[in-house]
């Protein structure tokens, strides 16, 4: 997953990164 984000364009990375963090935060609740 992280390698996919690292190899993605900056715009896609800006979208995926907050979404991934948000998903992880929901998982901890």
C-alpha atoms as a PDB file:
ATOM      1  CA  UNK A   1       0.000   0.000   0.000  1.00  0.00           C
ATOM      2  CA  UNK A   2       2.716   2.448   0.993  1.00  0.00           C
ATOM      3  CA  UNK A   3       4.764   1.581  -2.091  1.00  0.00           C
ATOM      4  CA  UNK A   4       1.685   2.271  -4.224  1.00  0.00           C
ATOM      5  CA  UNK A   5       1.308   5.708  -2.616  1.00  0.00           C
ATOM      6  CA  UNK A   6       5.013   6.447  -3.054  1.00  0.00           C
ATOM      7  CA  UNK A   7       4.848   5.599  -6.770  1.00  0.00           C
ATOM      8  CA  UNK A   8       1.613   7.522  -7.357  1.00  0.00           C
ATOM      9  CA  UNK A   9       1.373  11.055  -8.736  1.00  0.00           C
ATOM     10  CA  UNK A  10       1.359  13.827  -6.140  1.00  0.00           C
ATOM     11  CA  UNK A  11      -2.337  14.579  -6.675  1.00  0.00           C
ATOM     12  CA  UNK A  12      -3.380  10.977  -6.152  1.00  0.00           C
ATOM     13  CA  UNK A  13      -1.104  10.725  -3.124  1.00  0.00           C
ATOM     14  CA  UNK A  14      -2.705  13.844  -1.614  1.00  0.00           C
ATOM     15  CA  UNK A  15      -6.089  12.137  -1.949  1.00  0.00           C
ATOM     16  CA  UNK A  16      -5.103   8.648  -0.805  1.00  0.00           C
ATOM     17  CA  UNK A  17      -2.945   9.615   2.162  1.00  0.00           C
ATOM     18  CA  UNK A  18      -5.645  11.457   4.205  1.00  0.00           C
ATOM     19  CA  UNK A  19      -8.179   8.764   3.264  1.00  0.00           C
ATOM     20  CA  UNK A  20      -5.819   6.027   4.465  1.00  0.00           C
ATOM     21  CA  UNK A  21      -5.159   7.850   7.745  1.00  0.00           C
ATOM     22  CA  UNK A  22      -8.904   8.391   8.192  1.00  0.00           C
ATOM     23  CA  UNK A  23      -9.525   4.668   7.594  1.00  0.00           C
ATOM     24  CA  UNK A  24      -6.889   3.738  10.190  1.00  0.00           C
ATOM     25  CA  UNK A  25      -8.400   6.180  12.696  1.00  0.00           C
ATOM     26  CA  UNK A  26     -11.829   4.587  12.226  1.00  0.00           C
ATOM     27  CA  UNK A  27     -10.292   1.170  12.743  1.00  0.00           C
ATOM     28  CA  UNK A  28      -8.901   2.177  16.130  1.00  0.00           C
ATOM     29  CA  UNK A  29     -12.313   3.253  17.425  1.00  0.00           C
END
